[in-house]
Amino acid sequence: MPVDLPDPSMLSGDTQEVMSYVILLLITAVIALFVYHVSRQSKLEAKFDKLQKQMIKQIARSNRAMEAVAKLPPPKEDYSDDQEEN
């Protein structure tokens, strides 16, 4: 059985006012959710940028350490420990 919705012009003034407040509340909620999403996204991007910079610093540090190790002379063979054991 179909339900007939009342014609908005037939509604009382109070009902129309309540409906307009509900619509205004819904619009405000949508805007608030959008603002929350944008602010959260920018916070996540800032965290990502910070982590990316830290990772670049760590990679540069490890590259410098590997270059320093590569420049070291080869270790001298020390057989004194072997002779003491025999």
PDB file of N, CA and C in Angstrom:
ATOM      1  N   MET A   1       0.848  -1.169   0.000  1.00  0.00           N
ATOM      2  CA  MET A   1       0.000   0.000   0.000  1.00  0.00           C
ATOM      3  C   MET A   1       0.896   1.236   0.000  1.00  0.00           C
ATOM      4  N   PRO A   2       0.806   2.051  -1.024  1.00  0.00           N
ATOM      5  CA  PRO A   2       1.670   3.237  -1.096  1.00  0.00           C
ATOM      6  C   PRO A   2       1.294   4.266  -0.035  1.00  0.00           C
ATOM      7  N   VAL A   3       2.330   4.947   0.414  1.00  0.00           N
ATOM      8  CA  VAL A   3       2.124   5.976   1.435  1.00  0.00           C
ATOM      9  C   VAL A   3       2.177   7.330   0.745  1.00  0.00           C
ATOM     10  N   ASP A   4       1.175   8.148   0.992  1.00  0.00           N
ATOM     11  CA  ASP A   4       1.155   9.492   0.426  1.00  0.00           C
ATOM     12  C   ASP A   4       1.881  10.438   1.369  1.00  0.00           C
ATOM     13  N   LEU A   5       2.932  11.087   0.848  1.00  0.00           N
ATOM     14  CA  LEU A   5       3.658  12.066   1.645  1.00  0.00           C
ATOM     15  C   LEU A   5       2.895  13.379   1.622  1.00  0.00           C
ATOM     16  N   PRO A   6       2.905  14.091   2.714  1.00  0.00           N
ATOM     17  CA  PRO A   6       2.166  15.364   2.731  1.00  0.00           C
ATOM     18  C   PRO A   6       2.858  16.397   1.846  1.00  0.00           C
ATOM     19  N   ASP A   7       2.058  17.236   1.281  1.00  0.00           N
ATOM     20  CA  ASP A   7       2.577  18.324   0.457  1.00  0.00           C
ATOM     21  C   ASP A   7       3.253  19.337   1.382  1.00  0.00           C
ATOM     22  N   PRO A   8       4.493  19.767   1.056  1.00  0.00           N
ATOM     23  CA  PRO A   8       5.176  20.712   1.947  1.00  0.00           C
ATOM     24  C   PRO A   8       4.391  21.998   2.187  1.00  0.00           C
ATOM     25  N   SER A   9       3.584  22.406   1.223  1.00  0.00           N
ATOM     26  CA  SER A   9       2.807  23.636   1.422  1.00  0.00           C
ATOM     27  C   SER A   9       1.696  23.419   2.446  1.00  0.00           C
ATOM     28  N   MET A  10       1.323  22.176   2.675  1.00  0.00           N
ATOM     29  CA  MET A  10       0.267  21.867   3.633  1.00  0.00           C
ATOM     30  C   MET A  10       0.807  21.720   5.058  1.00  0.00           C
ATOM     31  N   LEU A  11       2.133  21.646   5.215  1.00  0.00           N
ATOM     32  CA  LEU A  11       2.711  21.478   6.547  1.00  0.00           C
ATOM     33  C   LEU A  11       2.571  22.763   7.345  1.00  0.00           C
ATOM     34  N   SER A  12       2.534  22.594   8.643  1.00  0.00           N
ATOM     35  CA  SER A  12       2.429  23.789   9.490  1.00  0.00           C
ATOM     36  C   SER A  12       3.770  24.515   9.487  1.00  0.00           C
ATOM     37  N   GLY A  13       3.778  25.725   9.943  1.00  0.00           N
ATOM     38  CA  GLY A  13       4.998  26.535   9.974  1.00  0.00           C
ATOM     39  C   GLY A  13       6.071  25.915  10.854  1.00  0.00           C
ATOM     40  N   ASP A  14       5.660  25.329  11.986  1.00  0.00           N
ATOM     41  CA  ASP A  14       6.632  24.712  12.892  1.00  0.00           C
ATOM     42  C   ASP A  14       7.327  23.532  12.228  1.00  0.00           C
ATOM     43  N   THR A  15       6.573  22.735  11.498  1.00  0.00           N
ATOM     44  CA  THR A  15       7.152  21.558  10.847  1.00  0.00           C
ATOM     45  C   THR A  15       8.144  21.980   9.771  1.00  0.00           C
ATOM     46  N   GLN A  16       7.804  23.003   9.004  1.00  0.00           N
ATOM     47  CA  GLN A  16       8.721  23.491   7.973  1.00  0.00           C
ATOM     48  C   GLN A  16       9.988  24.051   8.612  1.00  0.00           C
ATOM     49  N   GLU A  17       9.838  24.728   9.741  1.00  0.00           N
ATOM     50  CA  GLU A  17      10.998  25.283  10.431  1.00  0.00           C
ATOM     51  C   GLU A  17      11.902  24.160  10.937  1.00  0.00           C
ATOM     52  N   VAL A  18      11.302  23.113  11.488  1.00  0.00           N
ATOM     53  CA  VAL A  18      12.082  21.968  11.972  1.00  0.00           C
ATOM     54  C   VAL A  18      12.800  21.302  10.805  1.00  0.00           C
ATOM     55  N   MET A  19      12.107  21.140   9.689  1.00  0.00           N
ATOM     56  CA  MET A  19      12.737  20.525   8.519  1.00  0.00           C
ATOM     57  C   MET A  19      13.904  21.367   8.022  1.00  0.00           C
ATOM     58  N   SER A  20      13.756  22.689   8.036  1.00  0.00           N
ATOM     59  CA  SER A  20      14.855  23.537   7.578  1.00  0.00           C
ATOM     60  C   SER A  20      16.041  23.437   8.535  1.00  0.00           C
ATOM     61  N   TYR A  21      15.767  23.318   9.839  1.00  0.00           N
ATOM     62  CA  TYR A  21      16.860  23.133  10.802  1.00  0.00           C
ATOM     63  C   TYR A  21      17.562  21.788  10.598  1.00  0.00           C
ATOM     64  N   VAL A  22      16.777  20.759  10.310  1.00  0.00           N
ATOM     65  CA  VAL A  22      17.368  19.432  10.065  1.00  0.00           C
ATOM     66  C   VAL A  22      18.254  19.470   8.823  1.00  0.00           C
ATOM     67  N   ILE A  23      17.774  20.099   7.774  1.00  0.00           N
ATOM     68  CA  ILE A  23      18.570  20.218   6.545  1.00  0.00           C
ATOM     69  C   ILE A  23      19.836  21.025   6.817  1.00  0.00           C
ATOM     70  N   LEU A  24      19.712  22.114   7.554  1.00  0.00           N
ATOM     71  CA  LEU A  24      20.880  22.923   7.907  1.00  0.00           C
ATOM     72  C   LEU A  24      21.871  22.112   8.739  1.00  0.00           C
ATOM     73  N   LEU A  25      21.357  21.307   9.656  1.00  0.00           N
ATOM     74  CA  LEU A  25      22.212  20.451  10.480  1.00  0.00           C
ATOM     75  C   LEU A  25      22.941  19.420   9.621  1.00  0.00           C
ATOM     76  N   LEU A  26      22.244  18.830   8.667  1.00  0.00           N
ATOM     77  CA  LEU A  26      22.874  17.854   7.772  1.00  0.00           C
ATOM     78  C   LEU A  26      23.976  18.501   6.930  1.00  0.00           C
ATOM     79  N   ILE A  27      23.710  19.675   6.407  1.00  0.00           N
ATOM     80  CA  ILE A  27      24.719  20.390   5.613  1.00  0.00           C
ATOM     81  C   ILE A  27      25.931  20.709   6.475  1.00  0.00           C
ATOM     82  N   THR A  28      25.698  21.160   7.709  1.00  0.00           N
ATOM     83  CA  THR A  28      26.799  21.464   8.629  1.00  0.00           C
ATOM     84  C   THR A  28      27.611  20.212   8.933  1.00  0.00           C
ATOM     85  N   ALA A  29      26.939  19.081   9.113  1.00  0.00           N
ATOM     86  CA  ALA A  29      27.639  17.823   9.397  1.00  0.00           C
ATOM     87  C   ALA A  29      28.508  17.403   8.221  1.00  0.00           C
ATOM     88  N   VAL A  30      28.003  17.559   7.012  1.00  0.00           N
ATOM     89  CA  VAL A  30      28.785  17.207   5.823  1.00  0.00           C
ATOM     90  C   VAL A  30      30.014  18.102   5.716  1.00  0.00           C
ATOM     91  N   ILE A  31      29.848  19.391   5.953  1.00  0.00           N
ATOM     92  CA  ILE A  31      30.986  20.316   5.899  1.00  0.00           C
ATOM     93  C   ILE A  31      32.000  19.973   6.987  1.00  0.00           C
ATOM     94  N   ALA A  32      31.524  19.655   8.187  1.00  0.00           N
ATOM     95  CA  ALA A  32      32.434  19.297   9.285  1.00  0.00           C
ATOM     96  C   ALA A  32      33.213  18.028   8.959  1.00  0.00           C
ATOM     97  N   LEU A  33      32.551  17.038   8.384  1.00  0.00           N
ATOM     98  CA  LEU A  33      33.251  15.810   7.991  1.00  0.00           C
ATOM     99  C   LEU A  33      34.304  16.085   6.924  1.00  0.00           C
ATOM    100  N   PHE A  34      33.982  16.952   5.985  1.00  0.00           N
ATOM    101  CA  PHE A  34      34.948  17.302   4.942  1.00  0.00           C
ATOM    102  C   PHE A  34      36.162  17.999   5.548  1.00  0.00           C
ATOM    103  N   VAL A  35      35.933  18.949   6.441  1.00  0.00           N
ATOM    104  CA  VAL A  35      37.040  19.665   7.093  1.00  0.00           C
ATOM    105  C   VAL A  35      37.883  18.697   7.914  1.00  0.00           C
ATOM    106  N   TYR A  36      37.233  17.782   8.625  1.00  0.00           N
ATOM    107  CA  TYR A  36      37.959  16.779   9.414  1.00  0.00           C
ATOM    108  C   TYR A  36      38.821  15.910   8.502  1.00  0.00           C
ATOM    109  N   HIS A  37      38.253  15.480   7.388  1.00  0.00           N
ATOM    110  CA  HIS A  37      38.997  14.633   6.455  1.00  0.00           C
ATOM    111  C   HIS A  37      40.213  15.371   5.896  1.00  0.00           C
ATOM    112  N   VAL A  38      40.026  16.622   5.511  1.00  0.00           N
ATOM    113  CA  VAL A  38      41.134  17.397   4.944  1.00  0.00           C
ATOM    114  C   VAL A  38      42.222  17.623   5.989  1.00  0.00           C
ATOM    115  N   SER A  39      41.846  17.949   7.216  1.00  0.00           N
ATOM    116  CA  SER A  39      42.856  18.191   8.251  1.00  0.00           C
ATOM    117  C   SER A  39      43.586  16.899   8.596  1.00  0.00           C
ATOM    118  N   ARG A  40      42.858  15.795   8.648  1.00  0.00           N
ATOM    119  CA  ARG A  40      43.503  14.501   8.936  1.00  0.00           C
ATOM    120  C   ARG A  40      44.456  14.129   7.804  1.00  0.00           C
ATOM    121  N   GLN A  41      44.051  14.374   6.582  1.00  0.00           N
ATOM    122  CA  GLN A  41      44.898  14.061   5.429  1.00  0.00           C
ATOM    123  C   GLN A  41      46.176  14.888   5.472  1.00  0.00           C
ATOM    124  N   SER A  42      46.068  16.167   5.820  1.00  0.00           N
ATOM    125  CA  SER A  42      47.263  17.010   5.868  1.00  0.00           C
ATOM    126  C   SER A  42      48.183  16.580   7.004  1.00  0.00           C
ATOM    127  N   LYS A  43      47.608  16.125   8.134  1.00  0.00           N
ATOM    128  CA  LYS A  43      48.435  15.618   9.233  1.00  0.00           C
ATOM    129  C   LYS A  43      49.178  14.359   8.804  1.00  0.00           C
ATOM    130  N   LEU A  44      48.484  13.471   8.096  1.00  0.00           N
ATOM    131  CA  LEU A  44      49.127  12.246   7.628  1.00  0.00           C
ATOM    132  C   LEU A  44      50.231  12.560   6.625  1.00  0.00           C
ATOM    133  N   GLU A  45      50.001  13.538   5.755  1.00  0.00           N
ATOM    134  CA  GLU A  45      51.032  13.924   4.795  1.00  0.00           C
ATOM    135  C   GLU A  45      52.239  14.511   5.509  1.00  0.00           C
ATOM    136  N   ALA A  46      52.011  15.290   6.565  1.00  0.00           N
ATOM    137  CA  ALA A  46      53.123  15.861   7.328  1.00  0.00           C
ATOM    138  C   ALA A  46      53.926  14.752   8.005  1.00  0.00           C
ATOM    139  N   LYS A  47      53.239  13.760   8.577  1.00  0.00           N
ATOM    140  CA  LYS A  47      53.944  12.633   9.199  1.00  0.00           C
ATOM    141  C   LYS A  47      54.740  11.862   8.157  1.00  0.00           C
ATOM    142  N   PHE A  48      54.144  11.657   6.988  1.00  0.00           N
ATOM    143  CA  PHE A  48      54.831  10.935   5.925  1.00  0.00           C
ATOM    144  C   PHE A  48      56.078  11.693   5.486  1.00  0.00           C
ATOM    145  N   ASP A  49      55.969  13.014   5.326  1.00  0.00           N
ATOM    146  CA  ASP A  49      57.128  13.817   4.939  1.00  0.00           C
ATOM    147  C   ASP A  49      58.229  13.731   5.982  1.00  0.00           C
ATOM    148  N   LYS A  50      57.855  13.771   7.261  1.00  0.00           N
ATOM    149  CA  LYS A  50      58.837  13.678   8.340  1.00  0.00           C
ATOM    150  C   LYS A  50      59.547  12.328   8.308  1.00  0.00           C
ATOM    151  N   LEU A  51      58.776  11.251   8.150  1.00  0.00           N
ATOM    152  CA  LEU A  51      59.379   9.918   8.077  1.00  0.00           C
ATOM    153  C   LEU A  51      60.272   9.777   6.849  1.00  0.00           C
ATOM    154  N   GLN A  52      59.853  10.371   5.751  1.00  0.00           N
ATOM    155  CA  GLN A  52      60.649  10.304   4.527  1.00  0.00           C
ATOM    156  C   GLN A  52      61.980  11.030   4.716  1.00  0.00           C
ATOM    157  N   LYS A  53      61.967  12.185   5.374  1.00  0.00           N
ATOM    158  CA  LYS A  53      63.209  12.918   5.632  1.00  0.00           C
ATOM    159  C   LYS A  53      64.125  12.126   6.558  1.00  0.00           C
ATOM    160  N   GLN A  54      63.549  11.481   7.588  1.00  0.00           N
ATOM    161  CA  GLN A  54      64.355  10.667   8.493  1.00  0.00           C
ATOM    162  C   GLN A  54      64.990   9.502   7.745  1.00  0.00           C
ATOM    163  N   MET A  55      64.235   8.894   6.850  1.00  0.00           N
ATOM    164  CA  MET A  55      64.760   7.768   6.097  1.00  0.00           C
ATOM    165  C   MET A  55      65.898   8.217   5.177  1.00  0.00           C
ATOM    166  N   ILE A  56      65.751   9.362   4.554  1.00  0.00           N
ATOM    167  CA  ILE A  56      66.811   9.881   3.685  1.00  0.00           C
ATOM    168  C   ILE A  56      68.069  10.148   4.501  1.00  0.00           C
ATOM    169  N   LYS A  57      67.912  10.717   5.708  1.00  0.00           N
ATOM    170  CA  LYS A  57      69.073  10.962   6.567  1.00  0.00           C
ATOM    171  C   LYS A  57      69.752   9.656   6.952  1.00  0.00           C
ATOM    172  N   GLN A  58      68.974   8.628   7.290  1.00  0.00           N
ATOM    173  CA  GLN A  58      69.558   7.345   7.676  1.00  0.00           C
ATOM    174  C   GLN A  58      70.279   6.687   6.504  1.00  0.00           C
ATOM    175  N   ILE A  59      69.713   6.789   5.319  1.00  0.00           N
ATOM    176  CA  ILE A  59      70.367   6.218   4.137  1.00  0.00           C
ATOM    177  C   ILE A  59      71.672   6.947   3.868  1.00  0.00           C
ATOM    178  N   ALA A  60      71.658   8.278   3.968  1.00  0.00           N
ATOM    179  CA  ALA A  60      72.889   9.048   3.753  1.00  0.00           C
ATOM    180  C   ALA A  60      73.936   8.679   4.796  1.00  0.00           C
ATOM    181  N   ARG A  61      73.518   8.513   6.046  1.00  0.00           N
ATOM    182  CA  ARG A  61      74.443   8.142   7.114  1.00  0.00           C
ATOM    183  C   ARG A  61      75.055   6.768   6.846  1.00  0.00           C
ATOM    184  N   SER A  62      74.229   5.817   6.430  1.00  0.00           N
ATOM    185  CA  SER A  62      74.759   4.476   6.161  1.00  0.00           C
ATOM    186  C   SER A  62      75.657   4.481   4.930  1.00  0.00           C
ATOM    187  N   ASN A  63      75.347   5.310   3.936  1.00  0.00           N
ATOM    188  CA  ASN A  63      76.217   5.419   2.759  1.00  0.00           C
ATOM    189  C   ASN A  63      77.574   5.988   3.144  1.00  0.00           C
ATOM    190  N   ARG A  64      77.573   7.008   4.005  1.00  0.00           N
ATOM    191  CA  ARG A  64      78.852   7.578   4.453  1.00  0.00           C
ATOM    192  C   ARG A  64      79.648   6.545   5.237  1.00  0.00           C
ATOM    193  N   ALA A  65      78.964   5.759   6.060  1.00  0.00           N
ATOM    194  CA  ALA A  65      79.657   4.723   6.837  1.00  0.00           C
ATOM    195  C   ALA A  65      80.244   3.660   5.916  1.00  0.00           C
ATOM    196  N   MET A  66      79.504   3.262   4.894  1.00  0.00           N
ATOM    197  CA  MET A  66      80.021   2.253   3.963  1.00  0.00           C
ATOM    198  C   MET A  66      81.207   2.798   3.179  1.00  0.00           C
ATOM    199  N   GLU A  67      81.167   4.077   2.798  1.00  0.00           N
ATOM    200  CA  GLU A  67      82.303   4.684   2.101  1.00  0.00           C
ATOM    201  C   GLU A  67      83.523   4.735   3.007  1.00  0.00           C
ATOM    202  N   ALA A  68      83.321   5.049   4.280  1.00  0.00           N
ATOM    203  CA  ALA A  68      84.443   5.106   5.219  1.00  0.00           C
ATOM    204  C   ALA A  68      85.047   3.721   5.409  1.00  0.00           C
ATOM    205  N   VAL A  69      84.220   2.698   5.487  1.00  0.00           N
ATOM    206  CA  VAL A  69      84.728   1.328   5.634  1.00  0.00           C
ATOM    207  C   VAL A  69      85.472   0.910   4.373  1.00  0.00           C
ATOM    208  N   ALA A  70      84.976   1.311   3.219  1.00  0.00           N
ATOM    209  CA  ALA A  70      85.636   0.942   1.963  1.00  0.00           C
ATOM    210  C   ALA A  70      87.012   1.594   1.849  1.00  0.00           C
ATOM    211  N   LYS A  71      87.201   2.752   2.460  1.00  0.00           N
ATOM    212  CA  LYS A  71      88.489   3.455   2.389  1.00  0.00           C
ATOM    213  C   LYS A  71      89.514   2.880   3.358  1.00  0.00           C
ATOM    214  N   LEU A  72      89.088   2.073   4.320  1.00  0.00           N
ATOM    215  CA  LEU A  72      90.024   1.502   5.286  1.00  0.00           C
ATOM    216  C   LEU A  72      90.964   0.527   4.586  1.00  0.00           C
ATOM    217  N   PRO A  73      92.210   0.461   5.046  1.00  0.00           N
ATOM    218  CA  PRO A  73      93.126  -0.517   4.452  1.00  0.00           C
ATOM    219  C   PRO A  73      92.685  -1.927   4.848  1.00  0.00           C
ATOM    220  N   PRO A  74      93.047  -2.906   4.050  1.00  0.00           N
ATOM    221  CA  PRO A  74      92.646  -4.269   4.404  1.00  0.00           C
ATOM    222  C   PRO A  74      93.297  -4.683   5.718  1.00  0.00           C
ATOM    223  N   PRO A  75      92.663  -5.541   6.465  1.00  0.00           N
ATOM    224  CA  PRO A  75      93.236  -5.940   7.759  1.00  0.00           C
ATOM    225  C   PRO A  75      94.518  -6.743   7.559  1.00  0.00           C
ATOM    226  N   LYS A  76      95.457  -6.519   8.468  1.00  0.00           N
ATOM    227  CA  LYS A  76      96.712  -7.272   8.408  1.00  0.00           C
ATOM    228  C   LYS A  76      96.451  -8.647   9.003  1.00  0.00           C
ATOM    229  N   GLU A  77      97.091  -9.635   8.406  1.00  0.00           N
ATOM    230  CA  GLU A  77      96.939 -10.996   8.906  1.00  0.00           C
ATOM    231  C   GLU A  77      97.737 -11.123  10.193  1.00  0.00           C
ATOM    232  N   ASP A  78      97.079 -11.508  11.248  1.00  0.00           N
ATOM    233  CA  ASP A  78      97.741 -11.662  12.541  1.00  0.00           C
ATOM    234  C   ASP A  78      97.641 -13.126  12.935  1.00  0.00           C
ATOM    235  N   TYR A  79      98.774 -13.789  12.883  1.00  0.00           N
ATOM    236  CA  TYR A  79      98.791 -15.218  13.191  1.00  0.00           C
ATOM    237  C   TYR A  79      99.301 -15.497  14.595  1.00  0.00           C
ATOM    238  N   SER A  80      99.484 -14.481  15.414  1.00  0.00           N
ATOM    239  CA  SER A  80     100.035 -14.704  16.750  1.00  0.00           C
ATOM    240  C   SER A  80      99.097 -15.547  17.610  1.00  0.00           C
ATOM    241  N   ASP A  81      97.792 -15.383  17.429  1.00  0.00           N
ATOM    242  CA  ASP A  81      96.842 -16.178  18.210  1.00  0.00           C
ATOM    243  C   ASP A  81      96.921 -17.651  17.827  1.00  0.00           C
ATOM    244  N   ASP A  82      97.103 -17.925  16.530  1.00  0.00           N
ATOM    245  CA  ASP A  82      97.180 -19.308  16.070  1.00  0.00           C
ATOM    246  C   ASP A  82      98.421 -20.002  16.627  1.00  0.00           C
ATOM    247  N   GLN A  83      99.534 -19.297  16.720  1.00  0.00           N
ATOM    248  CA  GLN A  83     100.773 -19.912  17.203  1.00  0.00           C
ATOM    249  C   GLN A  83     100.675 -20.217  18.687  1.00  0.00           C
ATOM    250  N   GLU A  84      99.966 -19.402  19.442  1.00  0.00           N
ATOM    251  CA  GLU A  84      99.833 -19.650  20.876  1.00  0.00           C
ATOM    252  C   GLU A  84      99.008 -20.898  21.138  1.00  0.00           C
ATOM    253  N   GLU A  85      98.014 -21.161  20.297  1.00  0.00           N
ATOM    254  CA  GLU A  85      97.171 -22.332  20.485  1.00  0.00           C
ATOM    255  C   GLU A  85      97.941 -23.617  20.228  1.00  0.00           C
ATOM    256  N   ASN A  86      98.888 -23.625  19.275  1.00  0.00           N
ATOM    257  CA  ASN A  86      99.641 -24.845  18.937  1.00  0.00           C
ATOM    258  C   ASN A  86     100.686 -25.042  19.915  1.00  0.00           C
TER     259      ASN A  86
END
